[in-house]
Each structure stands twice: as structure tokens, then as C-alpha cells.
Protein backbone atom coordinates (compact mmCIF):
# COMPACT_ATOMS: atom_id res chain seq x y z
CA MET A 1 43.93 -37.85 -20.25
CA LYS A 2 41.71 -39.09 -23.10
CA HIS A 3 38.93 -39.74 -20.61
CA ASN A 4 39.11 -36.11 -19.39
CA HIS A 5 39.01 -34.82 -22.96
CA PHE A 6 35.94 -36.98 -23.65
CA LEU A 7 34.20 -35.68 -20.50
CA MET A 8 34.95 -32.09 -21.42
CA ALA A 9 33.75 -32.54 -25.01
CA LEU A 10 30.52 -34.23 -23.88
CA PHE A 11 29.92 -31.53 -21.26
CA TRP A 12 30.31 -28.73 -23.81
CA ILE A 13 28.11 -30.51 -26.38
CA LEU A 14 25.31 -30.81 -23.82
CA LEU A 15 25.85 -27.27 -22.57
CA LEU A 16 25.73 -25.74 -26.05
CA GLY A 17 22.72 -27.91 -26.88
CA CYS A 18 20.84 -26.25 -24.01
CA CYS A 19 21.25 -22.92 -25.82
CA TRP A 20 18.89 -24.19 -28.54
CA PRO A 21 15.38 -22.67 -28.14
CA THR A 22 13.63 -26.04 -28.47
CA VAL A 23 15.39 -27.40 -25.36
CA SER A 24 13.14 -26.92 -22.32
CA ALA A 25 14.05 -26.44 -18.67
CA PRO A 26 13.13 -30.02 -17.58
CA MET A 27 15.13 -31.47 -20.50
CA ALA A 28 18.19 -29.46 -19.49
CA LEU A 29 17.87 -30.46 -15.84
CA VAL A 30 17.51 -34.16 -16.67
CA ALA A 31 20.55 -33.96 -18.97
CA GLY A 32 22.56 -32.26 -16.23
CA ILE A 33 21.55 -34.73 -13.51
CA THR A 34 22.28 -37.69 -15.81
CA PHE A 35 25.71 -36.29 -16.59
CA GLY A 36 26.45 -35.61 -12.91
CA ILE A 37 25.30 -38.96 -11.50
CA VAL A 38 26.18 -41.38 -14.31
CA ILE A 39 29.40 -39.83 -15.57
CA GLY A 40 30.42 -37.49 -12.75
CA ASN A 41 31.25 -33.79 -12.88
CA PRO A 42 34.94 -33.14 -12.11
CA TRP A 43 34.38 -29.37 -12.30
CA GLY A 44 31.72 -29.13 -9.58
CA ALA A 45 33.02 -25.95 -7.93
CA THR A 46 33.47 -24.17 -11.27
CA THR A 47 30.01 -25.07 -12.60
CA SER A 48 28.47 -24.05 -9.28
CA ASN A 49 30.04 -20.59 -9.49
CA TRP A 50 29.01 -20.11 -13.11
CA SER A 51 25.47 -21.35 -12.52
CA ARG A 52 25.04 -18.82 -9.71
CA ARG A 53 26.31 -15.93 -11.85
CA LEU A 54 24.28 -16.98 -14.89
CA LEU A 55 21.16 -17.34 -12.75
CA GLN A 56 21.54 -13.84 -11.35
CA GLY A 57 22.06 -12.37 -14.80
CA SER A 58 19.07 -14.30 -16.15
CA VAL A 59 16.79 -13.05 -13.38
CA VAL A 60 17.79 -9.48 -14.21
CA GLY A 61 16.95 -10.15 -17.86
CA LEU A 62 13.52 -11.49 -16.93
CA GLY A 63 12.74 -8.01 -15.60
CA PHE A 64 12.65 -6.76 -19.21
CA GLY A 65 9.49 -8.82 -19.70
CA LEU A 66 7.51 -7.20 -16.87
CA ASN A 67 5.86 -3.85 -16.27
CA LEU A 68 6.82 -2.05 -13.07
CA PRO A 69 3.25 -1.36 -11.80
CA GLU A 70 2.33 -5.04 -12.15
CA LEU A 71 5.60 -6.05 -10.51
CA LEU A 72 5.05 -3.75 -7.52
CA GLN A 73 1.43 -4.83 -7.10
CA THR A 74 2.33 -8.51 -7.16
CA GLY A 75 5.18 -7.91 -4.70
CA LYS A 76 2.88 -5.94 -2.41
CA ASP A 77 0.26 -8.68 -2.45
CA ALA A 78 2.92 -11.33 -1.81
CA PHE A 79 4.53 -9.58 1.15
CA LEU A 80 2.09 -10.79 3.82
CA TYR A 81 1.75 -14.42 2.80
CA THR A 82 5.49 -14.81 2.20
CA ALA A 83 6.05 -13.55 5.75
CA ILE A 84 3.51 -16.05 7.10
CA SER A 85 5.00 -18.86 4.99
CA ILE A 86 8.53 -18.11 6.20
CA SER A 87 7.48 -17.98 9.87
CA PHE A 88 5.55 -21.25 9.54
CA THR A 89 8.44 -23.00 7.77
CA MET A 90 11.06 -21.87 10.29
CA ALA A 91 8.92 -22.96 13.25
CA VAL A 92 8.09 -26.37 11.78
CA GLY A 93 11.69 -26.81 10.64
CA TYR A 94 12.91 -26.24 14.21
CA LEU A 95 10.49 -28.87 15.57
CA LEU A 96 11.40 -31.37 12.86
CA GLY A 97 15.10 -30.83 13.53
CA ARG A 98 14.50 -31.73 17.17
CA PHE A 99 12.39 -34.74 16.18
CA PHE A 100 14.91 -36.16 13.70
CA LYS A 101 17.84 -35.12 15.95
CA THR A 102 19.52 -33.27 13.11
CA PRO A 103 22.62 -31.32 14.23
CA GLN A 104 21.43 -27.85 15.27
CA ARG A 105 23.27 -25.68 12.77
CA THR A 106 22.56 -28.07 9.90
CA SER A 107 18.89 -28.06 10.91
CA SER A 108 18.82 -24.25 10.99
CA LEU A 109 20.37 -24.02 7.52
CA ILE A 110 17.91 -26.52 6.04
CA SER A 111 14.97 -24.67 7.59
CA PHE A 112 16.26 -21.28 6.42
CA GLY A 113 16.92 -22.58 2.91
CA THR A 114 13.45 -24.11 2.69
CA ALA A 115 11.77 -21.01 4.12
CA ILE A 116 13.36 -18.37 1.93
CA CYS A 117 15.64 -19.00 -1.02
CA GLY A 118 17.43 -22.33 -1.01
CA GLY A 119 21.16 -22.14 -1.62
CA SER A 120 21.31 -18.33 -1.55
CA ALA A 121 19.69 -18.22 1.88
CA ILE A 122 21.96 -20.98 3.20
CA ALA A 123 25.04 -19.17 1.89
CA ALA A 124 23.88 -15.94 3.58
CA MET A 125 23.05 -17.59 6.90
CA ALA A 126 26.08 -19.93 7.22
CA PRO A 127 28.61 -17.27 8.30
CA VAL A 128 26.07 -15.67 10.63
CA ILE A 129 25.54 -18.83 12.69
CA LYS A 130 29.21 -19.83 12.20
CA ALA A 131 28.38 -23.09 10.44
CA GLU A 132 31.24 -25.39 9.48
CA SER A 133 31.83 -26.08 5.79
CA GLU A 134 30.63 -29.69 6.19
CA GLU A 135 27.37 -28.50 7.80
CA THR A 136 26.84 -26.01 4.99
CA GLY A 137 27.60 -28.69 2.41
CA VAL A 138 25.08 -31.12 3.90
CA ALA A 139 22.35 -28.44 3.98
CA LEU A 140 23.10 -27.41 0.39
CA ALA A 141 23.10 -31.03 -0.80
CA THR A 142 19.74 -31.67 0.90
CA VAL A 143 18.05 -28.58 -0.53
CA PHE A 144 19.67 -29.05 -3.93
CA THR A 145 18.39 -32.63 -4.21
CA LEU A 146 14.84 -31.54 -3.38
CA ASN A 147 15.08 -28.63 -5.84
CA SER A 148 15.85 -31.03 -8.67
CA ILE A 149 12.90 -33.24 -7.75
CA ALA A 150 10.55 -30.25 -7.45
CA LEU A 151 11.46 -28.92 -10.88
CA LEU A 152 10.44 -32.21 -12.46
CA LEU A 153 7.35 -32.96 -10.33
CA PHE A 154 5.63 -29.60 -9.88
CA PRO A 155 4.46 -28.87 -13.48
CA PRO A 156 2.68 -32.25 -13.95
CA LEU A 157 1.25 -32.01 -10.41
CA GLY A 158 -0.04 -28.52 -11.17
CA HIS A 159 -1.83 -29.78 -14.28
CA LEU A 160 -3.17 -32.77 -12.35
CA MET A 161 -4.70 -30.45 -9.74
CA GLY A 162 -6.12 -28.17 -12.43
CA MET A 163 -4.12 -25.12 -11.36
CA GLY A 164 -4.29 -21.97 -13.46
CA GLN A 165 -1.06 -20.22 -14.38
CA ARG A 166 -1.38 -17.64 -11.61
CA GLN A 167 -2.09 -20.36 -9.05
CA PHE A 168 0.86 -22.43 -10.18
CA GLY A 169 3.21 -19.43 -10.16
CA LEU A 170 2.22 -18.72 -6.56
CA TRP A 171 2.60 -22.36 -5.55
CA ALA A 172 6.03 -22.72 -7.15
CA ALA A 173 7.24 -19.49 -5.55
CA LEU A 174 6.09 -20.52 -2.07
CA ALA A 175 6.97 -24.22 -2.11
CA ILE A 176 10.18 -24.60 -4.17
CA HIS A 177 13.48 -23.63 -2.58
CA ASP A 178 15.84 -22.04 -5.13
CA THR A 179 15.00 -19.21 -7.51
CA SER A 180 16.37 -21.23 -10.44
CA SER A 181 13.99 -24.13 -9.84
CA VAL A 182 11.02 -21.80 -9.26
CA VAL A 183 11.71 -20.03 -12.54
CA GLY A 184 12.35 -23.31 -14.37
CA ALA A 185 9.13 -24.94 -13.17
CA ALA A 186 7.08 -21.79 -13.81
CA ALA A 187 8.56 -21.34 -17.29
CA ALA A 188 7.52 -24.90 -18.16
CA TYR A 189 3.95 -24.05 -17.07
CA GLY A 190 3.45 -20.81 -19.00
CA GLY A 191 4.29 -17.12 -19.39
CA LEU A 192 1.96 -15.81 -16.67
CA ALA A 193 3.15 -18.49 -14.25
CA LEU A 194 6.73 -17.39 -14.95
CA ALA A 195 5.98 -13.71 -14.28
CA ILE A 196 4.06 -14.41 -11.06
CA GLY A 197 6.49 -17.07 -9.83
CA THR A 198 9.57 -14.90 -10.38
CA THR A 199 8.10 -11.82 -8.73
CA VAL A 200 6.73 -13.64 -5.67
CA LYS A 201 9.94 -15.66 -5.32
CA LEU A 202 12.08 -12.52 -5.34
CA THR A 203 9.74 -10.94 -2.79
CA ARG A 204 10.37 -14.01 -0.66
CA ALA A 205 14.12 -13.67 -1.22
CA LEU A 206 14.04 -10.12 0.17
CA TRP A 207 13.57 -11.70 3.60
CA ILE A 208 17.16 -13.00 3.52
CA MET A 209 18.55 -9.75 4.90
CA PRO A 210 16.19 -9.13 7.85
CA SER A 211 16.10 -12.83 8.78
CA ALA A 212 19.89 -13.10 8.80
CA LEU A 213 20.18 -9.88 10.81
CA ILE A 214 17.73 -11.22 13.40
CA ALA A 215 19.74 -14.44 13.61
CA ALA A 216 22.95 -12.45 14.01
CA TRP A 217 21.39 -10.48 16.86
CA PHE A 218 20.25 -13.63 18.67
CA THR A 219 23.59 -15.39 18.23
CA LYS A 220 25.64 -12.21 18.81
CA SER A 221 27.42 -12.97 15.56
CA GLU A 222 29.62 -10.54 13.65
CA GLY A 223 29.30 -12.43 10.37
CA LYS A 224 28.49 -10.27 7.36
CA VAL A 225 25.08 -10.49 5.69
CA LYS A 226 25.06 -9.96 1.92
CA PHE A 227 22.03 -8.49 0.17
CA PRO A 228 21.11 -10.22 -3.13
CA LEU A 229 21.89 -7.36 -5.54
CA PHE A 230 20.38 -9.16 -8.54
CA ILE A 231 16.94 -8.37 -7.10
CA ILE A 232 17.70 -4.67 -7.53
CA GLY A 233 18.78 -5.42 -11.12
CA PHE A 234 15.48 -7.23 -11.75
CA ILE A 235 13.48 -4.22 -10.53
CA ALA A 236 15.71 -1.82 -12.51
CA ALA A 237 15.15 -3.80 -15.71
CA ALA A 238 11.37 -3.68 -15.23
CA THR A 239 11.61 0.07 -14.53
CA ILE A 240 13.58 0.72 -17.74
CA LYS A 241 11.18 -1.41 -19.78
CA THR A 242 8.18 0.48 -18.37
CA ALA A 243 9.77 3.91 -18.83
CA LEU A 244 10.91 3.23 -22.41
CA PRO A 245 8.19 1.09 -24.07
CA GLN A 246 9.22 2.36 -27.51
CA PHE A 247 12.29 0.09 -27.34
CA GLU A 248 10.26 -3.10 -27.07
CA GLN A 249 12.23 -4.50 -30.01
CA VAL A 250 15.24 -4.44 -27.66
CA TRP A 251 13.57 -5.58 -24.41
CA HIS A 252 11.84 -8.60 -25.95
CA PRO A 253 15.07 -10.23 -27.28
CA LEU A 254 16.81 -9.55 -23.96
CA ASN A 255 13.96 -11.25 -22.14
CA SER A 256 14.07 -14.22 -24.53
CA ILE A 257 17.83 -14.58 -24.04
CA ALA A 258 17.32 -14.50 -20.26
CA LYS A 259 14.73 -17.30 -20.46
CA GLN A 260 17.03 -19.53 -22.50
CA SER A 261 20.03 -18.78 -20.28
CA LEU A 262 17.93 -20.13 -17.41
CA VAL A 263 17.73 -23.42 -19.32
CA VAL A 264 21.54 -23.46 -19.50
CA THR A 265 21.67 -22.62 -15.79
CA LEU A 266 19.52 -25.62 -14.96
CA PHE A 267 21.86 -27.91 -16.89
CA LEU A 268 24.80 -26.58 -14.86
CA ILE A 269 22.86 -27.00 -11.62
CA GLY A 270 21.82 -30.53 -12.54
CA SER A 271 25.38 -31.51 -13.42
CA GLY A 272 26.40 -30.64 -9.86
CA LEU A 273 24.17 -33.37 -8.41
CA THR A 274 26.79 -36.11 -8.29
CA ARG A 275 26.98 -39.34 -6.29
CA ALA A 276 29.39 -37.60 -3.93
CA VAL A 277 26.83 -34.86 -3.23
CA LEU A 278 24.11 -37.43 -2.59
CA GLY A 279 26.46 -39.32 -0.29
CA ARG A 280 27.04 -36.20 1.83
CA THR A 281 23.34 -35.60 2.41
CA GLY A 282 22.85 -38.05 5.26
CA VAL A 283 19.65 -39.70 6.47
CA LYS A 284 18.62 -37.27 9.25
CA PRO A 285 19.06 -34.01 7.30
CA LEU A 286 17.34 -35.55 4.26
CA ALA A 287 14.44 -36.80 6.40
CA GLN A 288 14.02 -33.34 7.91
CA GLY A 289 14.31 -31.62 4.52
CA VAL A 290 11.85 -33.94 2.77
CA THR A 291 9.26 -33.78 5.57
CA LEU A 292 9.49 -30.00 5.84
CA TRP A 293 9.26 -29.56 2.07
CA LEU A 294 6.23 -31.84 1.80
CA LEU A 295 4.43 -29.98 4.61
CA VAL A 296 5.12 -26.60 2.99
CA SER A 297 4.10 -27.85 -0.47
CA VAL A 298 0.85 -29.44 0.69
CA THR A 299 -0.11 -26.53 2.98
CA SER A 300 0.60 -23.79 0.43
CA GLY A 301 -1.02 -25.78 -2.41
CA PHE A 302 -4.15 -26.35 -0.33
CA ALA A 303 -4.36 -22.66 0.63
CA ILE A 304 -4.03 -21.60 -3.01
CA MET A 305 -6.62 -24.08 -4.29
CA CYS A 306 -9.04 -22.94 -1.55
CA GLY A 307 -8.54 -19.32 -2.61
CA TRP A 308 -6.96 -18.24 0.68
CA ILE A 309 -3.87 -17.10 -1.24
CA GLU A 310 -4.53 -15.23 -4.47
């Protein structure tokens, strides 16, 4: 009993500490991962639910920091290369799944999560292809592990390659799985990187619905496909901010709160990476996920540095 009280007290101290403006996204993630792996998180399901809700609310709040015309232009520019990126990732993911002999549905979920939007995409696709809970869990564990690594590695790699903020925002949005990790990495790089990364990532996330519907048609599935409503909230926030610029003294604090709540979200996400989660990943799914992620990261980074994607 005393041990549980100690765990809960430590968890809340770390969580509240992440609300402090000087705590950055990487710091929060490292604290969460350390707590999850070293100590263990007995409230994994609860923190997972809250991190998802907090992430969605934070993304909506980020919309108060963007102007609608810029948002629409960036989304329009991103539409073509996100479509190409998704098609490339799905095709390569299928071939890698065959090569590593990953179970078919697990392979499909890993490829879909890598191609579009990490855990959100996996959650949307799982009922469509009638994946078992264990298959979904393995895919989520694989993508989640790589997300945590990407959030820590991408900012220093971006600086090492001499990427500008726009370039890094594009790279993060195209090569990192989950929205939370894209936003976290981009926020650590700079304000423009955050704006570009969030917009392009959400444009990429819009492909969840048509992709899942196509999969349902091929598999003759009756599973329901859920549209990510927080994307609509993000666009609505940018619309309100653009239509009512005289209330900037309101929009700016809301945007700042959203940015810091993302830091808290990353702590919650990191705390979910426990030894049990790592144990569920498995060698074949992890090999497929790592190889696919590296190919996507290198290819998209090369295309951006060459100026093929702007």
C-alpha cells in the first residue's frame, strides 16, 4: 500500500512539474520513459486515455496560433507529397512484412501507422481489418517505441544536417508517426517548425478516413471508421483567430497553454512505455517497423534537403 502511495505521489510530482514553462518536450518525454521503464506505470490504460484526450485538445489550441490562409496554403501544398509518401510507405511496408514474415494483420497495422498517423491510424484500421487485440497491441508497441526514439533524435539530427525550420517541420511531419511526437520534436526546433509540422501532419492524418474505407472495401469489412474530429477543431480555432484578430490577447494565452499541455502529454505518453510494452513488441514486428521507419526518414529527409519537397 505504501509503495502504491509513493508511486502515485512521484507520478503527480513529475506530471505537475511538466506544467512548468521551463520544462521542454524532450525533458518531459525522458522523465515519462524513465518512470515507465525503471519504476513501472500501474495506470497504463488510464494514462493512455488521458494522453489521447489531452493531445487532441492541445492540437485544437495550437490552431489559435495560426492564420487560416497560411494553414490552407500549407495544407494544399502538402496534399500531393503526403499522398505520395503514404503510398510509398504502404507499398514498402507490405514488402517488408513479407520479408520479415510478420503476421499479415500486424504488418498491415504497422505499415498503416507508419504511413499516416501512428496510434490513431492503427486504432482506426484495427476494427476494419478485424485485428485481434494482441495484434493491435504489438503494432501500437512497435510504433510507440519508435515515436519515443524519434522525438529525442530528430531535433539534433536536423541541426546536424543544417535544416531550416520549415525543412525540419516538413521532415518531422512526414517521417515521425504520431501527431504528439511530430509536434513535440517540431516545438523543440522552433516556432515555424511547429506551425509547419502540425499543419502538414494533420493533412497527412486526413488520409485515415479514405485509406480505412478503401481497406474496408477490399476486405468487405463492416467495421466503423472514425474521423479524427480534433482536426476540425484545429481548423476552427485558426478560423476564429483569423476572423477576430482584435482578441489576440485571448488567442495567444490559449496557444501557449496548448503548447505546454503538449509537454504534459509527452510525459504521459512516455510513462506508458514500460518493460511489459517492450516485451510485447517482438523481434519481427520491430524489425519491420524499424526498417520501414528508417527508409521513410532517409528518403523524405533526402528529398527535402534536395529541394524536391518544399
